[in-house]
């Protein structure tokens, strides 16, 4: 059985986002932006999972387009966290690189 790379990478990204959220809330006392990141960062994988059981090709494309929007939104929140010194540069680049890789995997022809 062939591994679904985007499914795996989005799941691992969600785990990293959850851990970052836990750190930001407990150590940095940051609640607002981190909650937004938690929502968008975990939604990516959820949409990819939903696309596996899409009702039509149109539904499949729609779910993956939502995943693209969510990963892009996640990058925005990561940038804000980095620019406001809640996230160090090294951690930002690591998470951002993972997000960019997911974006590339979600673009055609990788979708088909």
Foldseek 3Di string as FASTA:
>chain_A
DDDDVLLVLLVVLLVVLVVLLVCCCPPVVDDDLSVLLNVLSNLLNVLCVVLVVAPDPVRNLVSLVSSLVSLVVNLVSLVVCPVVVVDDPVRSVVSNVSSVVSNVCSDPPNSD
